[in-house]
Amino acid sequence: MPRLTEGDLTQPTCGFGNLPHRNVEIYTPVVDGEFKHQDSMGTTKTLRPNTMQDLSAVTAVVHLERNVSGDTALRFIQLWEVPRKSGHEPEDSSIRGNKCEWTPSR
């Protein structure tokens, strides 16, 4: 069962850099603003409201999160879950859709 670990309001042009993770699935629904994700797998993307990121950091991944807006706060929620299986390579995906219909990609 996912556990709510962080709800965040990030001011314009602010964020978090070089966060290392291992043995965790991280689901990040974006509520308001523009969420920039960049990671050690070479993925760079900007997510907007009504989008959820699914970051599988089973073997290890380092990533940063930023609010790329110059004038609007970013609001997102993170759910962390212990993976059901171990040893697979890190993955990054995103889901766009009705907030009530979000489900993990695996």
PDB file of N, CA and C in Angstrom:
ATOM      1  N   MET A   1       0.843  -1.179   0.000  1.00  0.00           N
ATOM      2  CA  MET A   1       0.000   0.000   0.000  1.00  0.00           C
ATOM      3  C   MET A   1       0.888   1.241   0.000  1.00  0.00           C
ATOM      4  N   PRO A   2       0.695   2.180  -0.929  1.00  0.00           N
ATOM      5  CA  PRO A   2       1.514   3.401  -0.929  1.00  0.00           C
ATOM      6  C   PRO A   2       1.338   4.189   0.362  1.00  0.00           C
ATOM      7  N   ARG A   3       2.375   4.880   0.731  1.00  0.00           N
ATOM      8  CA  ARG A   3       2.364   5.685   1.948  1.00  0.00           C
ATOM      9  C   ARG A   3       2.660   7.123   1.555  1.00  0.00           C
ATOM     10  N   LEU A   4       1.831   8.059   1.994  1.00  0.00           N
ATOM     11  CA  LEU A   4       2.061   9.474   1.711  1.00  0.00           C
ATOM     12  C   LEU A   4       3.263   9.929   2.513  1.00  0.00           C
ATOM     13  N   THR A   5       4.316  10.365   1.818  1.00  0.00           N
ATOM     14  CA  THR A   5       5.530  10.763   2.526  1.00  0.00           C
ATOM     15  C   THR A   5       5.820  12.245   2.439  1.00  0.00           C
ATOM     16  N   GLU A   6       5.273  12.924   1.439  1.00  0.00           N
ATOM     17  CA  GLU A   6       5.604  14.334   1.300  1.00  0.00           C
ATOM     18  C   GLU A   6       4.536  15.030   0.475  1.00  0.00           C
ATOM     19  N   GLY A   7       4.045  16.140   0.972  1.00  0.00           N
ATOM     20  CA  GLY A   7       3.231  17.043   0.173  1.00  0.00           C
ATOM     21  C   GLY A   7       4.028  18.324   0.094  1.00  0.00           C
ATOM     22  N   ASP A   8       4.061  18.956  -1.043  1.00  0.00           N
ATOM     23  CA  ASP A   8       5.000  20.060  -1.162  1.00  0.00           C
ATOM     24  C   ASP A   8       4.421  21.229  -1.928  1.00  0.00           C
ATOM     25  N   LEU A   9       4.735  22.409  -1.472  1.00  0.00           N
ATOM     26  CA  LEU A   9       4.467  23.656  -2.168  1.00  0.00           C
ATOM     27  C   LEU A   9       5.836  24.275  -2.411  1.00  0.00           C
ATOM     28  N   THR A  10       6.235  24.345  -3.686  1.00  0.00           N
ATOM     29  CA  THR A  10       7.571  24.818  -4.041  1.00  0.00           C
ATOM     30  C   THR A  10       7.452  26.158  -4.757  1.00  0.00           C
ATOM     31  N   GLN A  11       8.158  27.138  -4.262  1.00  0.00           N
ATOM     32  CA  GLN A  11       8.100  28.487  -4.816  1.00  0.00           C
ATOM     33  C   GLN A  11       8.728  28.541  -6.215  1.00  0.00           C
ATOM     34  N   PRO A  12       8.376  29.563  -7.007  1.00  0.00           N
ATOM     35  CA  PRO A  12       8.922  29.694  -8.358  1.00  0.00           C
ATOM     36  C   PRO A  12      10.453  29.617  -8.383  1.00  0.00           C
ATOM     37  N   THR A  13      10.963  28.899  -9.373  1.00  0.00           N
ATOM     38  CA  THR A  13      12.394  28.686  -9.655  1.00  0.00           C
ATOM     39  C   THR A  13      13.150  27.936  -8.550  1.00  0.00           C
ATOM     40  N   CYS A  14      12.444  27.379  -7.559  1.00  0.00           N
ATOM     41  CA  CYS A  14      13.080  26.624  -6.473  1.00  0.00           C
ATOM     42  C   CYS A  14      12.871  25.129  -6.689  1.00  0.00           C
ATOM     43  N   GLY A  15      13.562  24.325  -5.885  1.00  0.00           N
ATOM     44  CA  GLY A  15      13.388  22.885  -5.980  1.00  0.00           C
ATOM     45  C   GLY A  15      14.397  22.130  -5.153  1.00  0.00           C
ATOM     46  N   PHE A  16      14.560  20.854  -5.507  1.00  0.00           N
ATOM     47  CA  PHE A  16      15.441  19.949  -4.793  1.00  0.00           C
ATOM     48  C   PHE A  16      16.398  19.338  -5.801  1.00  0.00           C
ATOM     49  N   GLY A  17      17.675  19.247  -5.454  1.00  0.00           N
ATOM     50  CA  GLY A  17      18.652  18.704  -6.388  1.00  0.00           C
ATOM     51  C   GLY A  17      19.343  17.469  -5.869  1.00  0.00           C
ATOM     52  N   ASN A  18      19.713  16.581  -6.790  1.00  0.00           N
ATOM     53  CA  ASN A  18      20.518  15.398  -6.522  1.00  0.00           C
ATOM     54  C   ASN A  18      20.033  14.576  -5.332  1.00  0.00           C
ATOM     55  N   LEU A  19      18.807  14.076  -5.443  1.00  0.00           N
ATOM     56  CA  LEU A  19      18.221  13.225  -4.419  1.00  0.00           C
ATOM     57  C   LEU A  19      18.464  11.760  -4.792  1.00  0.00           C
ATOM     58  N   PRO A  20      19.252  11.015  -4.001  1.00  0.00           N
ATOM     59  CA  PRO A  20      19.492   9.611  -4.316  1.00  0.00           C
ATOM     60  C   PRO A  20      18.392   8.717  -3.721  1.00  0.00           C
ATOM     61  N   HIS A  21      17.964   7.709  -4.487  1.00  0.00           N
ATOM     62  CA  HIS A  21      16.949   6.764  -4.009  1.00  0.00           C
ATOM     63  C   HIS A  21      17.323   5.359  -4.450  1.00  0.00           C
ATOM     64  N   ARG A  22      16.920   4.385  -3.638  1.00  0.00           N
ATOM     65  CA  ARG A  22      17.135   2.963  -3.934  1.00  0.00           C
ATOM     66  C   ARG A  22      16.007   2.185  -3.258  1.00  0.00           C
ATOM     67  N   ASN A  23      15.539   1.126  -3.923  1.00  0.00           N
ATOM     68  CA  ASN A  23      14.511   0.249  -3.379  1.00  0.00           C
ATOM     69  C   ASN A  23      13.215   0.976  -3.040  1.00  0.00           C
ATOM     70  N   VAL A  24      12.751   1.807  -3.978  1.00  0.00           N
ATOM     71  CA  VAL A  24      11.500   2.536  -3.760  1.00  0.00           C
ATOM     72  C   VAL A  24      10.840   2.844  -5.107  1.00  0.00           C
ATOM     73  N   GLU A  25       9.520   2.804  -5.123  1.00  0.00           N
ATOM     74  CA  GLU A  25       8.715   3.294  -6.242  1.00  0.00           C
ATOM     75  C   GLU A  25       8.169   4.643  -5.786  1.00  0.00           C
ATOM     76  N   ILE A  26       8.333   5.692  -6.610  1.00  0.00           N
ATOM     77  CA  ILE A  26       7.881   7.027  -6.219  1.00  0.00           C
ATOM     78  C   ILE A  26       6.856   7.503  -7.238  1.00  0.00           C
ATOM     79  N   TYR A  27       5.652   7.790  -6.761  1.00  0.00           N
ATOM     80  CA  TYR A  27       4.572   8.310  -7.597  1.00  0.00           C
ATOM     81  C   TYR A  27       4.378   9.776  -7.237  1.00  0.00           C
ATOM     82  N   THR A  28       4.419  10.667  -8.231  1.00  0.00           N
ATOM     83  CA  THR A  28       4.327  12.099  -7.980  1.00  0.00           C
ATOM     84  C   THR A  28       3.236  12.721  -8.834  1.00  0.00           C
ATOM     85  N   PRO A  29       2.014  12.876  -8.285  1.00  0.00           N
ATOM     86  CA  PRO A  29       0.974  13.609  -9.013  1.00  0.00           C
ATOM     87  C   PRO A  29       1.213  15.117  -8.887  1.00  0.00           C
ATOM     88  N   VAL A  30       1.138  15.813 -10.023  1.00  0.00           N
ATOM     89  CA  VAL A  30       1.290  17.265 -10.036  1.00  0.00           C
ATOM     90  C   VAL A  30      -0.094  17.882  -9.910  1.00  0.00           C
ATOM     91  N   VAL A  31      -0.270  18.736  -8.909  1.00  0.00           N
ATOM     92  CA  VAL A  31      -1.557  19.378  -8.650  1.00  0.00           C
ATOM     93  C   VAL A  31      -1.637  20.730  -9.356  1.00  0.00           C
ATOM     94  N   ASP A  32      -0.626  21.585  -9.163  1.00  0.00           N
ATOM     95  CA  ASP A  32      -0.564  22.916  -9.776  1.00  0.00           C
ATOM     96  C   ASP A  32       0.879  23.225 -10.157  1.00  0.00           C
ATOM     97  N   GLY A  33       1.069  23.944 -11.253  1.00  0.00           N
ATOM     98  CA  GLY A  33       2.389  24.408 -11.642  1.00  0.00           C
ATOM     99  C   GLY A  33       3.074  23.491 -12.645  1.00  0.00           C
ATOM    100  N   GLU A  34       4.387  23.714 -12.799  1.00  0.00           N
ATOM    101  CA  GLU A  34       5.202  22.949 -13.735  1.00  0.00           C
ATOM    102  C   GLU A  34       6.361  22.304 -12.988  1.00  0.00           C
ATOM    103  N   PHE A  35       6.401  20.980 -13.007  1.00  0.00           N
ATOM    104  CA  PHE A  35       7.346  20.164 -12.268  1.00  0.00           C
ATOM    105  C   PHE A  35       8.415  19.657 -13.233  1.00  0.00           C
ATOM    106  N   LYS A  36       9.669  20.072 -13.046  1.00  0.00           N
ATOM    107  CA  LYS A  36      10.757  19.579 -13.893  1.00  0.00           C
ATOM    108  C   LYS A  36      11.444  18.430 -13.186  1.00  0.00           C
ATOM    109  N   HIS A  37      11.610  17.335 -13.928  1.00  0.00           N
ATOM    110  CA  HIS A  37      12.303  16.156 -13.417  1.00  0.00           C
ATOM    111  C   HIS A  37      13.508  15.894 -14.307  1.00  0.00           C
ATOM    112  N   GLN A  38      14.656  15.611 -13.686  1.00  0.00           N
ATOM    113  CA  GLN A  38      15.864  15.240 -14.412  1.00  0.00           C
ATOM    114  C   GLN A  38      16.551  14.163 -13.579  1.00  0.00           C
ATOM    115  N   ASP A  39      17.031  13.075 -14.229  1.00  0.00           N
ATOM    116  CA  ASP A  39      17.611  11.988 -13.442  1.00  0.00           C
ATOM    117  C   ASP A  39      18.874  11.403 -14.060  1.00  0.00           C
ATOM    118  N   SER A  40      19.499  10.505 -13.304  1.00  0.00           N
ATOM    119  CA  SER A  40      20.757   9.880 -13.705  1.00  0.00           C
ATOM    120  C   SER A  40      20.589   8.882 -14.852  1.00  0.00           C
ATOM    121  N   MET A  41      19.356   8.592 -15.259  1.00  0.00           N
ATOM    122  CA  MET A  41      19.105   7.730 -16.421  1.00  0.00           C
ATOM    123  C   MET A  41      19.096   8.545 -17.705  1.00  0.00           C
ATOM    124  N   GLY A  42      19.229   9.889 -17.585  1.00  0.00           N
ATOM    125  CA  GLY A  42      19.220  10.760 -18.755  1.00  0.00           C
ATOM    126  C   GLY A  42      17.856  11.320 -19.096  1.00  0.00           C
ATOM    127  N   THR A  43      16.863  11.082 -18.253  1.00  0.00           N
ATOM    128  CA  THR A  43      15.519  11.583 -18.481  1.00  0.00           C
ATOM    129  C   THR A  43      15.407  13.032 -18.028  1.00  0.00           C
ATOM    130  N   THR A  44      14.849  13.877 -18.879  1.00  0.00           N
ATOM    131  CA  THR A  44      14.512  15.254 -18.518  1.00  0.00           C
ATOM    132  C   THR A  44      13.122  15.521 -19.060  1.00  0.00           C
ATOM    133  N   LYS A  45      12.207  15.982 -18.198  1.00  0.00           N
ATOM    134  CA  LYS A  45      10.850  16.301 -18.646  1.00  0.00           C
ATOM    135  C   LYS A  45      10.201  17.280 -17.691  1.00  0.00           C
ATOM    136  N   THR A  46       9.183  17.947 -18.210  1.00  0.00           N
ATOM    137  CA  THR A  46       8.383  18.864 -17.410  1.00  0.00           C
ATOM    138  C   THR A  46       6.964  18.320 -17.368  1.00  0.00           C
ATOM    139  N   LEU A  47       6.442  18.150 -16.153  1.00  0.00           N
ATOM    140  CA  LEU A  47       5.091  17.645 -15.954  1.00  0.00           C
ATOM    141  C   LEU A  47       4.192  18.781 -15.499  1.00  0.00           C
ATOM    142  N   ARG A  48       2.962  18.747 -15.951  1.00  0.00           N
ATOM    143  CA  ARG A  48       1.981  19.787 -15.629  1.00  0.00           C
ATOM    144  C   ARG A  48       0.822  19.176 -14.843  1.00  0.00           C
ATOM    145  N   PRO A  49      -0.111  19.982 -14.359  1.00  0.00           N
ATOM    146  CA  PRO A  49      -1.238  19.452 -13.601  1.00  0.00           C
ATOM    147  C   PRO A  49      -1.960  18.325 -14.346  1.00  0.00           C
ATOM    148  N   ASN A  50      -2.520  17.422 -13.557  1.00  0.00           N
ATOM    149  CA  ASN A  50      -3.252  16.264 -14.057  1.00  0.00           C
ATOM    150  C   ASN A  50      -2.309  15.250 -14.700  1.00  0.00           C
ATOM    151  N   THR A  51      -1.042  15.253 -14.268  1.00  0.00           N
ATOM    152  CA  THR A  51      -0.046  14.290 -14.727  1.00  0.00           C
ATOM    153  C   THR A  51       0.628  13.689 -13.496  1.00  0.00           C
ATOM    154  N   MET A  52       0.935  12.391 -13.573  1.00  0.00           N
ATOM    155  CA  MET A  52       1.632  11.741 -12.472  1.00  0.00           C
ATOM    156  C   MET A  52       2.886  11.072 -13.003  1.00  0.00           C
ATOM    157  N   GLN A  53       3.984  11.273 -12.307  1.00  0.00           N
ATOM    158  CA  GLN A  53       5.241  10.610 -12.635  1.00  0.00           C
ATOM    159  C   GLN A  53       5.333   9.324 -11.837  1.00  0.00           C
ATOM    160  N   ASP A  54       5.863   8.278 -12.457  1.00  0.00           N
ATOM    161  CA  ASP A  54       6.121   6.997 -11.813  1.00  0.00           C
ATOM    162  C   ASP A  54       7.611   6.740 -11.961  1.00  0.00           C
ATOM    163  N   LEU A  55       8.359   6.887 -10.871  1.00  0.00           N
ATOM    164  CA  LEU A  55       9.804   6.689 -10.886  1.00  0.00           C
ATOM    165  C   LEU A  55      10.124   5.419 -10.117  1.00  0.00           C
ATOM    166  N   SER A  56      10.645   4.427 -10.815  1.00  0.00           N
ATOM    167  CA  SER A  56      11.032   3.165 -10.204  1.00  0.00           C
ATOM    168  C   SER A  56      12.521   3.217  -9.911  1.00  0.00           C
ATOM    169  N   ALA A  57      12.857   3.379  -8.646  1.00  0.00           N
ATOM    170  CA  ALA A  57      14.258   3.500  -8.238  1.00  0.00           C
ATOM    171  C   ALA A  57      14.660   2.261  -7.451  1.00  0.00           C
ATOM    172  N   VAL A  58      14.583   1.103  -8.096  1.00  0.00           N
ATOM    173  CA  VAL A  58      14.858  -0.139  -7.392  1.00  0.00           C
ATOM    174  C   VAL A  58      16.357  -0.338  -7.187  1.00  0.00           C
ATOM    175  N   THR A  59      17.152  -0.273  -8.256  1.00  0.00           N
ATOM    176  CA  THR A  59      18.590  -0.492  -8.090  1.00  0.00           C
ATOM    177  C   THR A  59      19.350   0.781  -7.723  1.00  0.00           C
ATOM    178  N   ALA A  60      18.866   1.936  -8.058  1.00  0.00           N
ATOM    179  CA  ALA A  60      19.412   3.232  -7.627  1.00  0.00           C
ATOM    180  C   ALA A  60      19.225   4.265  -8.723  1.00  0.00           C
ATOM    181  N   VAL A  61      18.833   5.452  -8.311  1.00  0.00           N
ATOM    182  CA  VAL A  61      18.694   6.575  -9.239  1.00  0.00           C
ATOM    183  C   VAL A  61      18.910   7.867  -8.447  1.00  0.00           C
ATOM    184  N   VAL A  62      19.477   8.851  -9.109  1.00  0.00           N
ATOM    185  CA  VAL A  62      19.640  10.188  -8.532  1.00  0.00           C
ATOM    186  C   VAL A  62      18.829  11.122  -9.407  1.00  0.00           C
ATOM    187  N   HIS A  63      18.030  11.997  -8.790  1.00  0.00           N
ATOM    188  CA  HIS A  63      17.198  12.903  -9.581  1.00  0.00           C
ATOM    189  C   HIS A  63      17.061  14.256  -8.912  1.00  0.00           C
ATOM    190  N   LEU A  64      16.612  15.236  -9.702  1.00  0.00           N
ATOM    191  CA  LEU A  64      16.301  16.551  -9.152  1.00  0.00           C
ATOM    192  C   LEU A  64      14.879  16.915  -9.539  1.00  0.00           C
ATOM    193  N   GLU A  65      14.276  17.776  -8.731  1.00  0.00           N
ATOM    194  CA  GLU A  65      12.917  18.268  -8.951  1.00  0.00           C
ATOM    195  C   GLU A  65      12.941  19.775  -8.806  1.00  0.00           C
ATOM    196  N   ARG A  66      12.341  20.477  -9.782  1.00  0.00           N
ATOM    197  CA  ARG A  66      12.335  21.944  -9.736  1.00  0.00           C
ATOM    198  C   ARG A  66      10.998  22.493 -10.205  1.00  0.00           C
ATOM    199  N   ASN A  67      10.673  23.665  -9.697  1.00  0.00           N
ATOM    200  CA  ASN A  67       9.551  24.446 -10.207  1.00  0.00           C
ATOM    201  C   ASN A  67      10.132  25.329 -11.300  1.00  0.00           C
ATOM    202  N   VAL A  68       9.732  25.089 -12.544  1.00  0.00           N
ATOM    203  CA  VAL A  68      10.312  25.845 -13.658  1.00  0.00           C
ATOM    204  C   VAL A  68       9.561  27.139 -13.957  1.00  0.00           C
ATOM    205  N   SER A  69       8.479  27.387 -13.237  1.00  0.00           N
ATOM    206  CA  SER A  69       7.732  28.622 -13.440  1.00  0.00           C
ATOM    207  C   SER A  69       8.462  29.791 -12.771  1.00  0.00           C
ATOM    208  N   GLY A  70       8.425  30.940 -13.417  1.00  0.00           N
ATOM    209  CA  GLY A  70       9.026  32.134 -12.844  1.00  0.00           C
ATOM    210  C   GLY A  70       8.094  32.891 -11.915  1.00  0.00           C
ATOM    211  N   ASP A  71       6.787  32.520 -11.909  1.00  0.00           N
ATOM    212  CA  ASP A  71       5.852  33.305 -11.097  1.00  0.00           C
ATOM    213  C   ASP A  71       4.734  32.499 -10.428  1.00  0.00           C
ATOM    214  N   THR A  72       4.696  31.180 -10.599  1.00  0.00           N
ATOM    215  CA  THR A  72       3.619  30.363 -10.037  1.00  0.00           C
ATOM    216  C   THR A  72       4.193  29.278  -9.138  1.00  0.00           C
ATOM    217  N   ALA A  73       3.580  29.075  -7.978  1.00  0.00           N
ATOM    218  CA  ALA A  73       4.010  28.015  -7.075  1.00  0.00           C
ATOM    219  C   ALA A  73       3.676  26.651  -7.675  1.00  0.00           C
ATOM    220  N   LEU A  74       4.490  25.662  -7.350  1.00  0.00           N
ATOM    221  CA  LEU A  74       4.288  24.281  -7.756  1.00  0.00           C
ATOM    222  C   LEU A  74       3.752  23.505  -6.574  1.00  0.00           C
ATOM    223  N   ARG A  75       2.686  22.752  -6.791  1.00  0.00           N
ATOM    224  CA  ARG A  75       2.146  21.894  -5.738  1.00  0.00           C
ATOM    225  C   ARG A  75       2.106  20.467  -6.277  1.00  0.00           C
ATOM    226  N   PHE A  76       2.762  19.563  -5.548  1.00  0.00           N
ATOM    227  CA  PHE A  76       2.742  18.155  -5.907  1.00  0.00           C
ATOM    228  C   PHE A  76       2.713  17.315  -4.640  1.00  0.00           C
ATOM    229  N   ILE A  77       2.383  16.049  -4.798  1.00  0.00           N
ATOM    230  CA  ILE A  77       2.325  15.100  -3.686  1.00  0.00           C
ATOM    231  C   ILE A  77       3.205  13.925  -4.069  1.00  0.00           C
ATOM    232  N   GLN A  78       3.899  13.345  -3.101  1.00  0.00           N
ATOM    233  CA  GLN A  78       4.674  12.143  -3.406  1.00  0.00           C
ATOM    234  C   GLN A  78       4.199  10.981  -2.561  1.00  0.00           C
ATOM    235  N   LEU A  79       4.021   9.857  -3.236  1.00  0.00           N
ATOM    236  CA  LEU A  79       3.673   8.590  -2.598  1.00  0.00           C
ATOM    237  C   LEU A  79       4.855   7.655  -2.804  1.00  0.00           C
ATOM    238  N   TRP A  80       5.313   7.036  -1.741  1.00  0.00           N
ATOM    239  CA  TRP A  80       6.456   6.124  -1.833  1.00  0.00           C
ATOM    240  C   TRP A  80       5.966   4.725  -1.480  1.00  0.00           C
ATOM    241  N   GLU A  81       6.460   3.743  -2.236  1.00  0.00           N
ATOM    242  CA  GLU A  81       6.051   2.364  -2.022  1.00  0.00           C
ATOM    243  C   GLU A  81       7.272   1.457  -2.119  1.00  0.00           C
ATOM    244  N   VAL A  82       7.345   0.453  -1.249  1.00  0.00           N
ATOM    245  CA  VAL A  82       8.401  -0.544  -1.344  1.00  0.00           C
ATOM    246  C   VAL A  82       8.087  -1.414  -2.554  1.00  0.00           C
ATOM    247  N   PRO A  83       9.058  -1.641  -3.449  1.00  0.00           N
ATOM    248  CA  PRO A  83       8.799  -2.425  -4.657  1.00  0.00           C
ATOM    249  C   PRO A  83       8.419  -3.872  -4.339  1.00  0.00           C
ATOM    250  N   ARG A  84       7.586  -4.452  -5.188  1.00  0.00           N
ATOM    251  CA  ARG A  84       7.186  -5.849  -5.025  1.00  0.00           C
ATOM    252  C   ARG A  84       8.312  -6.806  -5.402  1.00  0.00           C
ATOM    253  N   LYS A  85       9.169  -6.381  -6.340  1.00  0.00           N
ATOM    254  CA  LYS A  85      10.306  -7.208  -6.732  1.00  0.00           C
ATOM    255  C   LYS A  85      11.551  -6.342  -6.756  1.00  0.00           C
ATOM    256  N   SER A  86      12.699  -6.971  -6.653  1.00  0.00           N
ATOM    257  CA  SER A  86      13.949  -6.212  -6.641  1.00  0.00           C
ATOM    258  C   SER A  86      14.814  -6.606  -7.825  1.00  0.00           C
ATOM    259  N   GLY A  87      15.836  -5.798  -8.074  1.00  0.00           N
ATOM    260  CA  GLY A  87      16.829  -6.124  -9.066  1.00  0.00           C
ATOM    261  C   GLY A  87      16.602  -5.605 -10.466  1.00  0.00           C
ATOM    262  N   HIS A  88      15.436  -5.046 -10.781  1.00  0.00           N
ATOM    263  CA  HIS A  88      15.265  -4.547 -12.144  1.00  0.00           C
ATOM    264  C   HIS A  88      15.816  -3.126 -12.256  1.00  0.00           C
ATOM    265  N   GLU A  89      16.125  -2.749 -13.492  1.00  0.00           N
ATOM    266  CA  GLU A  89      16.718  -1.442 -13.751  1.00  0.00           C
ATOM    267  C   GLU A  89      15.732  -0.318 -13.405  1.00  0.00           C
ATOM    268  N   PRO A  90      16.240   0.862 -13.034  1.00  0.00           N
ATOM    269  CA  PRO A  90      15.364   2.005 -12.779  1.00  0.00           C
ATOM    270  C   PRO A  90      14.563   2.361 -14.034  1.00  0.00           C
ATOM    271  N   GLU A  91      13.353   2.863 -13.845  1.00  0.00           N
ATOM    272  CA  GLU A  91      12.486   3.284 -14.949  1.00  0.00           C
ATOM    273  C   GLU A  91      11.820   4.592 -14.582  1.00  0.00           C
ATOM    274  N   ASP A  92      11.444   5.351 -15.595  1.00  0.00           N
ATOM    275  CA  ASP A  92      10.713   6.593 -15.398  1.00  0.00           C
ATOM    276  C   ASP A  92       9.603   6.652 -16.429  1.00  0.00           C
ATOM    277  N   SER A  93       8.385   6.911 -15.969  1.00  0.00           N
ATOM    278  CA  SER A  93       7.267   7.070 -16.892  1.00  0.00           C
ATOM    279  C   SER A  93       6.321   8.114 -16.317  1.00  0.00           C
ATOM    280  N   SER A  94       5.390   8.562 -17.122  1.00  0.00           N
ATOM    281  CA  SER A  94       4.386   9.496 -16.627  1.00  0.00           C
ATOM    282  C   SER A  94       3.032   9.117 -17.208  1.00  0.00           C
ATOM    283  N   ILE A  95       1.999   9.480 -16.475  1.00  0.00           N
ATOM    284  CA  ILE A  95       0.620   9.169 -16.828  1.00  0.00           C
ATOM    285  C   ILE A  95      -0.153  10.476 -16.849  1.00  0.00           C
ATOM    286  N   ARG A  96      -0.943  10.692 -17.881  1.00  0.00           N
ATOM    287  CA  ARG A  96      -1.775  11.884 -17.944  1.00  0.00           C
ATOM    288  C   ARG A  96      -3.227  11.420 -17.963  1.00  0.00           C
ATOM    289  N   GLY A  97      -4.084  12.059 -17.156  1.00  0.00           N
ATOM    290  CA  GLY A  97      -5.483  11.667 -17.166  1.00  0.00           C
ATOM    291  C   GLY A  97      -6.254  12.230 -16.002  1.00  0.00           C
ATOM    292  N   ASN A  98      -7.467  11.768 -15.866  1.00  0.00           N
ATOM    293  CA  ASN A  98      -8.347  12.183 -14.794  1.00  0.00           C
ATOM    294  C   ASN A  98      -7.715  11.810 -13.454  1.00  0.00           C
ATOM    295  N   LYS A  99      -7.613  12.761 -12.543  1.00  0.00           N
ATOM    296  CA  LYS A  99      -6.981  12.520 -11.252  1.00  0.00           C
ATOM    297  C   LYS A  99      -7.612  11.338 -10.514  1.00  0.00           C
ATOM    298  N   CYS A 100      -8.897  11.107 -10.687  1.00  0.00           N
ATOM    299  CA  CYS A 100      -9.587  10.017 -10.019  1.00  0.00           C
ATOM    300  C   CYS A 100      -9.265   8.655 -10.635  1.00  0.00           C
ATOM    301  N   GLU A 101      -8.633   8.630 -11.791  1.00  0.00           N
ATOM    302  CA  GLU A 101      -8.362   7.370 -12.486  1.00  0.00           C
ATOM    303  C   GLU A 101      -6.890   6.995 -12.494  1.00  0.00           C
ATOM    304  N   TRP A 102      -6.023   7.715 -11.758  1.00  0.00           N
ATOM    305  CA  TRP A 102      -4.596   7.411 -11.774  1.00  0.00           C
ATOM    306  C   TRP A 102      -4.338   6.044 -11.182  1.00  0.00           C
ATOM    307  N   THR A 103      -3.498   5.251 -11.817  1.00  0.00           N
ATOM    308  CA  THR A 103      -3.043   3.978 -11.296  1.00  0.00           C
ATOM    309  C   THR A 103      -1.578   3.827 -11.666  1.00  0.00           C
ATOM    310  N   PRO A 104      -0.802   3.082 -10.879  1.00  0.00           N
ATOM    311  CA  PRO A 104       0.598   2.855 -11.230  1.00  0.00           C
ATOM    312  C   PRO A 104       0.711   2.163 -12.578  1.00  0.00           C
ATOM    313  N   SER A 105       1.808   2.387 -13.282  1.00  0.00           N
ATOM    314  CA  SER A 105       1.987   1.793 -14.602  1.00  0.00           C
ATOM    315  C   SER A 105       2.357   0.325 -14.534  1.00  0.00           C
ATOM    316  N   ARG A 106       2.758  -0.153 -13.384  1.00  0.00           N
ATOM    317  CA  ARG A 106       3.068  -1.591 -13.207  1.00  0.00           C
ATOM    318  C   ARG A 106       2.168  -2.163 -12.156  1.00  0.00           C
TER     319      ARG A 106
END
